[in-house]
Structures are given as C-alpha cells and as structure tokens.
Amino acid sequence: MLLDLQMPDITGWDVIRELRADAAYDMMPIVVCSASDSETYRREAIEAGAQECLNKDNAFDELKGVLHQQMESAAGRTANH
C-alpha cells in the first residue's frame, strides 16, 4: 500500500495501525509518501508499522527501489507458506 500521512478524515498513522491490527492485512507492505521531511513523522510511521517513509519531493526514484524490494519480500513470504 502506498499511503500519505495527512488525509482529510483519518491520518495515515491511524490507517497503518488499523491494518496492522487486522490479521488479514498485518503483513501487507506499507510505504508512506509524505510532503513533510520531518524525522518525527518518519519515525512515527515506521513505529506504527510502515516499512518505509519517503519524502514526496524525492520519492519517485526511491519508490521504484522500495516497491521492488517489497514485492520480492512479499513473494518470499508467500513461497514460505
């Protein structure tokens, strides 16, 4: 899942926590893209359960690598079950 932190009705942190609390989604890779470059935002997203937190200004190249890594990791988890 590609997720922003600042949304109109619910925060990205809350979405992450809700997904991690649901067994059907607890292993789903979550990558946060935020306009903020705040280290606090990044740390809180990772602590909530995101795998990565990228700044939108620099995200495209980083995002390609992160998504590739997460897809390989998910394929490995699927093969092991």
PDB file of N, CA and C in Angstrom:
ATOM      1  N   MET A   1       0.843  -1.163   0.000  1.00  0.00           N
ATOM      2  CA  MET A   1       0.000   0.000   0.000  1.00  0.00           C
ATOM      3  C   MET A   1       0.895   1.235   0.000  1.00  0.00           C
ATOM      4  N   LEU A   2       0.540   2.175  -0.812  1.00  0.00           N
ATOM      5  CA  LEU A   2       1.192   3.479  -0.837  1.00  0.00           C
ATOM      6  C   LEU A   2       0.253   4.444  -0.121  1.00  0.00           C
ATOM      7  N   LEU A   3       0.747   5.124   0.893  1.00  0.00           N
ATOM      8  CA  LEU A   3      -0.124   5.867   1.800  1.00  0.00           C
ATOM      9  C   LEU A   3       0.476   7.217   2.152  1.00  0.00           C
ATOM     10  N   ASP A   4      -0.372   8.238   2.214  1.00  0.00           N
ATOM     11  CA  ASP A   4       0.028   9.555   2.711  1.00  0.00           C
ATOM     12  C   ASP A   4      -0.276   9.605   4.205  1.00  0.00           C
ATOM     13  N   LEU A   5       0.345  10.514   4.921  1.00  0.00           N
ATOM     14  CA  LEU A   5       0.075  10.655   6.353  1.00  0.00           C
ATOM     15  C   LEU A   5      -1.025  11.661   6.634  1.00  0.00           C
ATOM     16  N   GLN A   6      -1.099  12.711   5.848  1.00  0.00           N
ATOM     17  CA  GLN A   6      -2.082  13.773   6.059  1.00  0.00           C
ATOM     18  C   GLN A   6      -3.247  13.577   5.086  1.00  0.00           C
ATOM     19  N   MET A   7      -4.382  13.137   5.626  1.00  0.00           N
ATOM     20  CA  MET A   7      -5.586  12.916   4.812  1.00  0.00           C
ATOM     21  C   MET A   7      -6.762  13.591   5.501  1.00  0.00           C
ATOM     22  N   PRO A   8      -7.861  13.805   4.786  1.00  0.00           N
ATOM     23  CA  PRO A   8      -8.966  14.589   5.347  1.00  0.00           C
ATOM     24  C   PRO A   8      -9.667  13.985   6.565  1.00  0.00           C
ATOM     25  N   ASP A   9      -9.977  12.694   6.549  1.00  0.00           N
ATOM     26  CA  ASP A   9     -10.825  12.133   7.601  1.00  0.00           C
ATOM     27  C   ASP A   9     -10.101  11.241   8.608  1.00  0.00           C
ATOM     28  N   ILE A  10      -8.944  10.751   8.228  1.00  0.00           N
ATOM     29  CA  ILE A  10      -8.185   9.850   9.090  1.00  0.00           C
ATOM     30  C   ILE A  10      -6.709  10.045   8.763  1.00  0.00           C
ATOM     31  N   THR A  11      -5.865   9.921   9.755  1.00  0.00           N
ATOM     32  CA  THR A  11      -4.432  10.086   9.470  1.00  0.00           C
ATOM     33  C   THR A  11      -3.848   8.785   8.927  1.00  0.00           C
ATOM     34  N   GLY A  12      -2.755   8.902   8.227  1.00  0.00           N
ATOM     35  CA  GLY A  12      -2.055   7.730   7.733  1.00  0.00           C
ATOM     36  C   GLY A  12      -1.590   6.832   8.870  1.00  0.00           C
ATOM     37  N   TRP A  13      -1.186   7.437   9.973  1.00  0.00           N
ATOM     38  CA  TRP A  13      -0.755   6.646  11.125  1.00  0.00           C
ATOM     39  C   TRP A  13      -1.901   5.763  11.614  1.00  0.00           C
ATOM     40  N   ASP A  14      -3.126   6.325  11.655  1.00  0.00           N
ATOM     41  CA  ASP A  14      -4.281   5.541  12.094  1.00  0.00           C
ATOM     42  C   ASP A  14      -4.585   4.403  11.116  1.00  0.00           C
ATOM     43  N   VAL A  15      -4.454   4.669   9.815  1.00  0.00           N
ATOM     44  CA  VAL A  15      -4.676   3.620   8.815  1.00  0.00           C
ATOM     45  C   VAL A  15      -3.673   2.488   9.024  1.00  0.00           C
ATOM     46  N   ILE A  16      -2.412   2.842   9.225  1.00  0.00           N
ATOM     47  CA  ILE A  16      -1.373   1.827   9.443  1.00  0.00           C
ATOM     48  C   ILE A  16      -1.714   0.988  10.672  1.00  0.00           C
ATOM     49  N   ARG A  17      -2.051   1.632  11.759  1.00  0.00           N
ATOM     50  CA  ARG A  17      -2.364   0.894  13.000  1.00  0.00           C
ATOM     51  C   ARG A  17      -3.574  -0.023  12.818  1.00  0.00           C
ATOM     52  N   GLU A  18      -4.598   0.457  12.120  1.00  0.00           N
ATOM     53  CA  GLU A  18      -5.778  -0.376  11.877  1.00  0.00           C
ATOM     54  C   GLU A  18      -5.430  -1.589  11.022  1.00  0.00           C
ATOM     55  N   LEU A  19      -4.619  -1.389  10.000  1.00  0.00           N
ATOM     56  CA  LEU A  19      -4.219  -2.518   9.143  1.00  0.00           C
ATOM     57  C   LEU A  19      -3.379  -3.524   9.919  1.00  0.00           C
ATOM     58  N   ARG A  20      -2.459  -3.043  10.726  1.00  0.00           N
ATOM     59  CA  ARG A  20      -1.599  -3.951  11.489  1.00  0.00           C
ATOM     60  C   ARG A  20      -2.384  -4.728  12.541  1.00  0.00           C
ATOM     61  N   ALA A  21      -3.511  -4.192  12.992  1.00  0.00           N
ATOM     62  CA  ALA A  21      -4.347  -4.867  13.982  1.00  0.00           C
ATOM     63  C   ALA A  21      -5.240  -5.938  13.358  1.00  0.00           C
ATOM     64  N   ASP A  22      -5.370  -5.939  12.038  1.00  0.00           N
ATOM     65  CA  ASP A  22      -6.228  -6.892  11.319  1.00  0.00           C
ATOM     66  C   ASP A  22      -5.351  -7.996  10.723  1.00  0.00           C
ATOM     67  N   ALA A  23      -5.560  -9.224  11.134  1.00  0.00           N
ATOM     68  CA  ALA A  23      -4.730 -10.349  10.682  1.00  0.00           C
ATOM     69  C   ALA A  23      -4.717 -10.493   9.160  1.00  0.00           C
ATOM     70  N   ALA A  24      -5.769 -10.066   8.489  1.00  0.00           N
ATOM     71  CA  ALA A  24      -5.822 -10.176   7.029  1.00  0.00           C
ATOM     72  C   ALA A  24      -4.844  -9.224   6.347  1.00  0.00           C
ATOM     73  N   TYR A  25      -4.438  -8.166   7.045  1.00  0.00           N
ATOM     74  CA  TYR A  25      -3.575  -7.141   6.449  1.00  0.00           C
ATOM     75  C   TYR A  25      -2.280  -6.909   7.217  1.00  0.00           C
ATOM     76  N   ASP A  26      -2.043  -7.674   8.263  1.00  0.00           N
ATOM     77  CA  ASP A  26      -0.895  -7.370   9.122  1.00  0.00           C
ATOM     78  C   ASP A  26       0.460  -7.549   8.438  1.00  0.00           C
ATOM     79  N   MET A  27       0.519  -8.300   7.349  1.00  0.00           N
ATOM     80  CA  MET A  27       1.787  -8.500   6.636  1.00  0.00           C
ATOM     81  C   MET A  27       1.875  -7.671   5.350  1.00  0.00           C
ATOM     82  N   MET A  28       0.835  -6.907   5.036  1.00  0.00           N
ATOM     83  CA  MET A  28       0.833  -6.120   3.814  1.00  0.00           C
ATOM     84  C   MET A  28       1.906  -5.031   3.892  1.00  0.00           C
ATOM     85  N   PRO A  29       2.761  -4.925   2.873  1.00  0.00           N
ATOM     86  CA  PRO A  29       3.757  -3.854   2.875  1.00  0.00           C
ATOM     87  C   PRO A  29       3.091  -2.479   2.782  1.00  0.00           C
ATOM     88  N   ILE A  30       3.547  -1.566   3.601  1.00  0.00           N
ATOM     89  CA  ILE A  30       3.028  -0.198   3.598  1.00  0.00           C
ATOM     90  C   ILE A  30       4.198   0.759   3.411  1.00  0.00           C
ATOM     91  N   VAL A  31       4.114   1.573   2.372  1.00  0.00           N
ATOM     92  CA  VAL A  31       5.121   2.592   2.090  1.00  0.00           C
ATOM     93  C   VAL A  31       4.433   3.942   2.192  1.00  0.00           C
ATOM     94  N   VAL A  32       4.945   4.795   3.041  1.00  0.00           N
ATOM     95  CA  VAL A  32       4.387   6.127   3.243  1.00  0.00           C
ATOM     96  C   VAL A  32       5.141   7.120   2.367  1.00  0.00           C
ATOM     97  N   CYS A  33       4.386   7.987   1.695  1.00  0.00           N
ATOM     98  CA  CYS A  33       4.951   9.120   0.952  1.00  0.00           C
ATOM     99  C   CYS A  33       4.348  10.375   1.566  1.00  0.00           C
ATOM    100  N   SER A  34       5.181  11.220   2.120  1.00  0.00           N
ATOM    101  CA  SER A  34       4.702  12.412   2.798  1.00  0.00           C
ATOM    102  C   SER A  34       5.380  13.665   2.253  1.00  0.00           C
ATOM    103  N   ALA A  35       4.652  14.760   2.238  1.00  0.00           N
ATOM    104  CA  ALA A  35       5.229  16.040   1.833  1.00  0.00           C
ATOM    105  C   ALA A  35       6.176  16.564   2.912  1.00  0.00           C
ATOM    106  N   SER A  36       6.016  16.068   4.115  1.00  0.00           N
ATOM    107  CA  SER A  36       6.864  16.508   5.223  1.00  0.00           C
ATOM    108  C   SER A  36       8.176  15.730   5.219  1.00  0.00           C
ATOM    109  N   ASP A  37       9.244  16.424   5.537  1.00  0.00           N
ATOM    110  CA  ASP A  37      10.526  15.736   5.691  1.00  0.00           C
ATOM    111  C   ASP A  37      10.884  15.605   7.171  1.00  0.00           C
ATOM    112  N   SER A  38       9.856  15.698   8.015  1.00  0.00           N
ATOM    113  CA  SER A  38      10.040  15.617   9.460  1.00  0.00           C
ATOM    114  C   SER A  38      10.528  14.226   9.869  1.00  0.00           C
ATOM    115  N   GLU A  39      11.599  14.188  10.612  1.00  0.00           N
ATOM    116  CA  GLU A  39      12.117  12.911  11.130  1.00  0.00           C
ATOM    117  C   GLU A  39      11.110  12.299  12.104  1.00  0.00           C
ATOM    118  N   THR A  40      10.363  13.143  12.807  1.00  0.00           N
ATOM    119  CA  THR A  40       9.337  12.654  13.731  1.00  0.00           C
ATOM    120  C   THR A  40       8.249  11.920  12.962  1.00  0.00           C
ATOM    121  N   TYR A  41       7.778  12.498  11.850  1.00  0.00           N
ATOM    122  CA  TYR A  41       6.772  11.836  11.012  1.00  0.00           C
ATOM    123  C   TYR A  41       7.284  10.480  10.563  1.00  0.00           C
ATOM    124  N   ARG A  42       8.525  10.461  10.083  1.00  0.00           N
ATOM    125  CA  ARG A  42       9.110   9.224   9.571  1.00  0.00           C
ATOM    126  C   ARG A  42       9.181   8.166  10.671  1.00  0.00           C
ATOM    127  N   ARG A  43       9.701   8.537  11.817  1.00  0.00           N
ATOM    128  CA  ARG A  43       9.837   7.604  12.935  1.00  0.00           C
ATOM    129  C   ARG A  43       8.478   7.069  13.381  1.00  0.00           C
ATOM    130  N   GLU A  44       7.480   7.950  13.478  1.00  0.00           N
ATOM    131  CA  GLU A  44       6.150   7.523  13.911  1.00  0.00           C
ATOM    132  C   GLU A  44       5.501   6.584  12.901  1.00  0.00           C
ATOM    133  N   ALA A  45       5.732   6.821  11.602  1.00  0.00           N
ATOM    134  CA  ALA A  45       5.176   5.937  10.575  1.00  0.00           C
ATOM    135  C   ALA A  45       5.801   4.549  10.669  1.00  0.00           C
ATOM    136  N   ILE A  46       7.112   4.492  10.852  1.00  0.00           N
ATOM    137  CA  ILE A  46       7.812   3.214  10.984  1.00  0.00           C
ATOM    138  C   ILE A  46       7.363   2.500  12.262  1.00  0.00           C
ATOM    139  N   GLU A  47       7.260   3.243  13.363  1.00  0.00           N
ATOM    140  CA  GLU A  47       6.807   2.648  14.623  1.00  0.00           C
ATOM    141  C   GLU A  47       5.376   2.132  14.522  1.00  0.00           C
ATOM    142  N   ALA A  48       4.532   2.790  13.724  1.00  0.00           N
ATOM    143  CA  ALA A  48       3.144   2.351  13.545  1.00  0.00           C
ATOM    144  C   ALA A  48       3.068   1.076  12.705  1.00  0.00           C
ATOM    145  N   GLY A  49       4.123   0.823  11.888  1.00  0.00           N
ATOM    146  CA  GLY A  49       4.120  -0.415  11.103  1.00  0.00           C
ATOM    147  C   GLY A  49       4.434  -0.268   9.633  1.00  0.00           C
ATOM    148  N   ALA A  50       4.769   0.935   9.184  1.00  0.00           N
ATOM    149  CA  ALA A  50       5.156   1.118   7.777  1.00  0.00           C
ATOM    150  C   ALA A  50       6.563   0.568   7.561  1.00  0.00           C
ATOM    151  N   GLN A  51       6.822   0.057   6.353  1.00  0.00           N
ATOM    152  CA  GLN A  51       8.162  -0.427   6.039  1.00  0.00           C
ATOM    153  C   GLN A  51       9.100   0.714   5.670  1.00  0.00           C
ATOM    154  N   GLU A  52       8.560   1.721   5.010  1.00  0.00           N
ATOM    155  CA  GLU A  52       9.363   2.856   4.549  1.00  0.00           C
ATOM    156  C   GLU A  52       8.542   4.127   4.660  1.00  0.00           C
ATOM    157  N   CYS A  53       9.231   5.254   4.788  1.00  0.00           N
ATOM    158  CA  CYS A  53       8.589   6.562   4.764  1.00  0.00           C
ATOM    159  C   CYS A  53       9.443   7.469   3.892  1.00  0.00           C
ATOM    160  N   LEU A  54       8.911   7.853   2.747  1.00  0.00           N
ATOM    161  CA  LEU A  54       9.651   8.642   1.765  1.00  0.00           C
ATOM    162  C   LEU A  54       9.101  10.057   1.693  1.00  0.00           C
ATOM    163  N   ASN A  55       9.967  10.994   1.359  1.00  0.00           N
ATOM    164  CA  ASN A  55       9.549  12.373   1.111  1.00  0.00           C
ATOM    165  C   ASN A  55       9.057  12.473  -0.324  1.00  0.00           C
ATOM    166  N   LYS A  56       7.896  13.073  -0.536  1.00  0.00           N
ATOM    167  CA  LYS A  56       7.318  13.183  -1.878  1.00  0.00           C
ATOM    168  C   LYS A  56       8.236  13.900  -2.859  1.00  0.00           C
ATOM    169  N   ASP A  57       9.024  14.840  -2.377  1.00  0.00           N
ATOM    170  CA  ASP A  57       9.898  15.601  -3.271  1.00  0.00           C
ATOM    171  C   ASP A  57      10.944  14.724  -3.947  1.00  0.00           C
ATOM    172  N   ASN A  58      11.380  13.669  -3.276  1.00  0.00           N
ATOM    173  CA  ASN A  58      12.437  12.800  -3.804  1.00  0.00           C
ATOM    174  C   ASN A  58      11.952  11.374  -4.020  1.00  0.00           C
ATOM    175  N   ALA A  59      10.657  11.163  -4.002  1.00  0.00           N
ATOM    176  CA  ALA A  59      10.128   9.812  -3.871  1.00  0.00           C
ATOM    177  C   ALA A  59      10.218   8.940  -5.110  1.00  0.00           C
ATOM    178  N   PHE A  60      10.155   9.481  -6.311  1.00  0.00           N
ATOM    179  CA  PHE A  60       9.973   8.620  -7.475  1.00  0.00           C
ATOM    180  C   PHE A  60      11.078   7.583  -7.615  1.00  0.00           C
ATOM    181  N   ASP A  61      12.326   7.988  -7.631  1.00  0.00           N
ATOM    182  CA  ASP A  61      13.413   7.021  -7.783  1.00  0.00           C
ATOM    183  C   ASP A  61      13.502   6.091  -6.577  1.00  0.00           C
ATOM    184  N   GLU A  62      13.360   6.649  -5.388  1.00  0.00           N
ATOM    185  CA  GLU A  62      13.391   5.823  -4.183  1.00  0.00           C
ATOM    186  C   GLU A  62      12.228   4.842  -4.178  1.00  0.00           C
ATOM    187  N   LEU A  63      11.069   5.311  -4.604  1.00  0.00           N
ATOM    188  CA  LEU A  63       9.867   4.486  -4.587  1.00  0.00           C
ATOM    189  C   LEU A  63      10.009   3.263  -5.482  1.00  0.00           C
ATOM    190  N   LYS A  64      10.603   3.420  -6.632  1.00  0.00           N
ATOM    191  CA  LYS A  64      10.807   2.269  -7.523  1.00  0.00           C
ATOM    192  C   LYS A  64      11.613   1.188  -6.813  1.00  0.00           C
ATOM    193  N   GLY A  65      12.688   1.560  -6.159  1.00  0.00           N
ATOM    194  CA  GLY A  65      13.515   0.594  -5.448  1.00  0.00           C
ATOM    195  C   GLY A  65      12.793  -0.046  -4.270  1.00  0.00           C
ATOM    196  N   VAL A  66      12.073   0.778  -3.506  1.00  0.00           N
ATOM    197  CA  VAL A  66      11.353   0.274  -2.342  1.00  0.00           C
ATOM    198  C   VAL A  66      10.257  -0.688  -2.771  1.00  0.00           C
ATOM    199  N   LEU A  67       9.502  -0.340  -3.799  1.00  0.00           N
ATOM    200  CA  LEU A  67       8.434  -1.224  -4.261  1.00  0.00           C
ATOM    201  C   LEU A  67       8.994  -2.545  -4.772  1.00  0.00           C
ATOM    202  N   HIS A  68      10.088  -2.487  -5.489  1.00  0.00           N
ATOM    203  CA  HIS A  68      10.721  -3.711  -5.968  1.00  0.00           C
ATOM    204  C   HIS A  68      11.136  -4.591  -4.782  1.00  0.00           C
ATOM    205  N   GLN A  69      11.750  -3.980  -3.791  1.00  0.00           N
ATOM    206  CA  GLN A  69      12.182  -4.714  -2.594  1.00  0.00           C
ATOM    207  C   GLN A  69      10.990  -5.330  -1.867  1.00  0.00           C
ATOM    208  N   GLN A  70       9.902  -4.562  -1.712  1.00  0.00           N
ATOM    209  CA  GLN A  70       8.725  -5.063  -1.000  1.00  0.00           C
ATOM    210  C   GLN A  70       8.045  -6.193  -1.769  1.00  0.00           C
ATOM    211  N   MET A  71       8.007  -6.108  -3.095  1.00  0.00           N
ATOM    212  CA  MET A  71       7.404  -7.183  -3.895  1.00  0.00           C
ATOM    213  C   MET A  71       8.226  -8.463  -3.758  1.00  0.00           C
ATOM    214  N   GLU A  72       9.551  -8.352  -3.775  1.00  0.00           N
ATOM    215  CA  GLU A  72      10.394  -9.527  -3.595  1.00  0.00           C
ATOM    216  C   GLU A  72      10.207 -10.129  -2.203  1.00  0.00           C
ATOM    217  N   SER A  73      10.106  -9.283  -1.211  1.00  0.00           N
ATOM    218  CA  SER A  73       9.902  -9.747   0.157  1.00  0.00           C
ATOM    219  C   SER A  73       8.554 -10.445   0.295  1.00  0.00           C
ATOM    220  N   ALA A  74       7.503  -9.869  -0.288  1.00  0.00           N
ATOM    221  CA  ALA A  74       6.172 -10.481  -0.236  1.00  0.00           C
ATOM    222  C   ALA A  74       6.162 -11.820  -0.963  1.00  0.00           C
ATOM    223  N   ALA A  75       6.850 -11.907  -2.091  1.00  0.00           N
ATOM    224  CA  ALA A  75       6.921 -13.171  -2.832  1.00  0.00           C
ATOM    225  C   ALA A  75       7.621 -14.234  -1.996  1.00  0.00           C
ATOM    226  N   GLY A  76       8.639 -13.845  -1.267  1.00  0.00           N
ATOM    227  CA  GLY A  76       9.335 -14.779  -0.396  1.00  0.00           C
ATOM    228  C   GLY A  76       8.461 -15.273   0.739  1.00  0.00           C
ATOM    229  N   ARG A  77       7.664 -14.357   1.316  1.00  0.00           N
ATOM    230  CA  ARG A  77       6.744 -14.771   2.403  1.00  0.00           C
ATOM    231  C   ARG A  77       5.685 -15.718   1.868  1.00  0.00           C
ATOM    232  N   THR A  78       5.185 -15.474   0.660  1.00  0.00           N
ATOM    233  CA  THR A  78       4.158 -16.324   0.062  1.00  0.00           C
ATOM    234  C   THR A  78       4.731 -17.711  -0.230  1.00  0.00           C
ATOM    235  N   ALA A  79       5.946 -17.776  -0.716  1.00  0.00           N
ATOM    236  CA  ALA A  79       6.576 -19.053  -1.054  1.00  0.00           C
ATOM    237  C   ALA A  79       6.831 -19.891   0.199  1.00  0.00           C
ATOM    238  N   ASN A  80       7.018 -19.236   1.332  1.00  0.00           N
ATOM    239  CA  ASN A  80       7.298 -19.955   2.572  1.00  0.00           C
ATOM    240  C   ASN A  80       6.050 -20.466   3.268  1.00  0.00           C
ATOM    241  N   HIS A  81       4.874 -20.097   2.786  1.00  0.00           N
ATOM    242  CA  HIS A  81       3.619 -20.538   3.452  1.00  0.00           C
ATOM    243  C   HIS A  81       3.015 -21.669   2.731  1.00  0.00           C
TER     244      HIS A  81
END
